């Protein structure tokens, strides 16, 4: 995927990115993404982190499917992995996942894909 947002492809139709903003959602849609998953808990990064509700509203306005699956950066529970596996089955592709740096989303994708 070629986007004006910094994405890293981790599967044929899945990419990860660092923290996205409400403004990033239009760019994600223009880049061809059909779904976005936010893996970063609200308030993890302090006041400078955009709120999930604002990102979700912008994603839906841009025509994207959007899901909020906040997970810890240090540990993804079996329930987190199962929830992500279900999202991987249900959401239209291409899919863009994001967190603070993209690493936790990539790790979660790996765990969910191995199920």
Protein backbone atom coordinates (compact mmCIF):
# COMPACT_ATOMS: atom_id res chain seq x y z
CA UNK A 1 0.00 0.00 0.00
CA UNK A 2 1.28 3.43 -0.85
CA UNK A 3 -0.02 6.04 1.56
CA UNK A 4 0.96 9.41 2.87
CA UNK A 5 0.95 7.73 6.26
CA UNK A 6 3.94 5.62 7.35
CA UNK A 7 2.82 2.03 6.83
CA UNK A 8 4.69 -1.26 6.88
CA UNK A 9 3.25 -4.24 5.06
CA UNK A 10 3.22 -7.39 7.22
CA UNK A 11 0.98 -9.61 5.08
CA UNK A 12 -0.43 -9.53 1.56
CA UNK A 13 -3.37 -7.36 2.63
CA UNK A 14 -2.41 -6.16 6.12
CA UNK A 15 -0.23 -3.20 7.10
CA UNK A 16 0.75 -1.65 10.42
CA UNK A 17 1.47 1.95 11.30
CA UNK A 18 2.50 4.07 14.26
CA UNK A 19 -0.08 6.26 16.01
CA UNK A 20 -2.60 7.63 13.53
CA UNK A 21 -4.76 10.71 13.88
CA UNK A 22 -8.29 11.53 12.82
CA UNK A 23 -6.76 13.32 9.82
CA UNK A 24 -4.95 10.09 8.83
CA UNK A 25 -8.23 8.30 8.17
CA UNK A 26 -8.96 10.10 4.89
CA UNK A 27 -5.42 9.30 3.72
CA UNK A 28 -5.90 5.64 4.70
CA UNK A 29 -9.10 5.46 2.66
CA UNK A 30 -7.43 7.19 -0.30
CA UNK A 31 -4.58 4.65 -0.08
CA UNK A 32 -7.12 1.88 -0.57
CA UNK A 33 -7.54 0.55 2.95
CA UNK A 34 -11.02 -0.69 3.76
CA UNK A 35 -10.61 -1.33 7.50
CA UNK A 36 -8.65 0.08 10.44
CA UNK A 37 -7.95 -1.49 13.83
CA UNK A 38 -6.70 0.67 16.70
CA UNK A 39 -4.64 -1.39 19.17
CA UNK A 40 -3.53 1.51 21.38
CA UNK A 41 -5.41 2.14 24.63
CA UNK A 42 -6.74 5.67 25.10
CA UNK A 43 -4.56 7.87 27.32
CA UNK A 44 -1.53 5.58 27.02
CA UNK A 45 0.49 8.40 25.50
CA UNK A 46 -0.86 11.29 27.52
CA UNK A 47 -2.62 14.39 26.29
CA UNK A 48 -0.93 14.41 22.86
CA UNK A 49 -2.55 11.10 21.86
CA UNK A 50 -5.78 11.49 19.90
CA UNK A 51 -8.85 9.88 21.46
CA UNK A 52 -10.20 6.69 19.95
CA UNK A 53 -13.67 8.21 19.55
CA UNK A 54 -12.27 11.01 17.37
CA UNK A 55 -10.30 8.59 15.20
CA UNK A 56 -13.32 6.30 14.86
CA UNK A 57 -15.59 9.17 13.79
CA UNK A 58 -13.08 10.23 11.14
CA UNK A 59 -12.63 6.66 9.92
CA UNK A 60 -16.36 6.13 9.53
CA UNK A 61 -16.70 9.51 7.78
CA UNK A 62 -14.01 8.33 5.34
CA UNK A 63 -15.98 5.15 4.64
CA UNK A 64 -13.72 2.80 6.59
CA UNK A 65 -14.69 -0.10 8.82
CA UNK A 66 -13.15 0.63 12.22
CA UNK A 67 -12.56 -1.45 15.33
CA UNK A 68 -11.00 -0.59 18.68
CA UNK A 69 -9.04 -3.46 20.22
CA UNK A 70 -6.75 -1.87 22.81
CA UNK A 71 -3.97 -4.17 24.00
CA UNK A 72 -1.03 -3.77 26.36
CA UNK A 73 2.34 -3.14 24.77
CA UNK A 74 3.97 -5.81 26.95
CA UNK A 75 1.39 -8.58 26.87
CA UNK A 76 -1.42 -9.67 24.60
CA UNK A 77 -3.78 -12.04 26.40
CA UNK A 78 -5.32 -15.12 24.80
CA UNK A 79 -8.58 -13.14 24.71
CA UNK A 80 -6.84 -10.30 22.83
CA UNK A 81 -5.41 -12.78 20.33
CA UNK A 82 -8.80 -14.48 19.84
CA UNK A 83 -10.50 -11.11 19.32
CA UNK A 84 -7.89 -10.12 16.72
CA UNK A 85 -8.23 -13.48 14.97
CA UNK A 86 -11.97 -12.84 14.67
CA UNK A 87 -11.36 -9.34 13.30
CA UNK A 88 -8.95 -10.80 10.73
CA UNK A 89 -11.77 -13.10 9.58
CA UNK A 90 -14.51 -10.46 9.60
CA UNK A 91 -13.03 -7.17 8.38
CA UNK A 92 -12.73 -6.25 4.71
CA UNK A 93 -9.22 -5.97 3.35
CA UNK A 94 -6.82 -4.29 2.92
CA UNK A 95 -6.55 -3.78 6.67
CA UNK A 96 -4.50 -1.17 8.51
CA UNK A 97 -3.62 -1.80 12.17
CA UNK A 98 -1.96 0.77 14.41
CA UNK A 99 -0.58 1.38 17.90
CA UNK A 100 2.17 3.63 19.26
CA UNK A 101 4.92 2.35 16.96
CA UNK A 102 3.28 -0.43 14.94
CA UNK A 103 5.25 -3.18 16.71
CA UNK A 104 2.47 -4.32 19.06
CA UNK A 105 -0.02 -4.47 16.17
CA UNK A 106 2.44 -6.54 14.12
CA UNK A 107 3.01 -8.90 17.06
CA UNK A 108 -0.73 -9.23 17.67
CA UNK A 109 -1.27 -10.01 13.98
CA UNK A 110 1.40 -12.73 14.13
CA UNK A 111 -0.19 -14.32 17.20
CA UNK A 112 -3.72 -14.12 15.75
CA UNK A 113 -2.66 -15.50 12.37
CA UNK A 114 -1.03 -18.50 14.06
CA UNK A 115 -4.31 -19.56 15.70
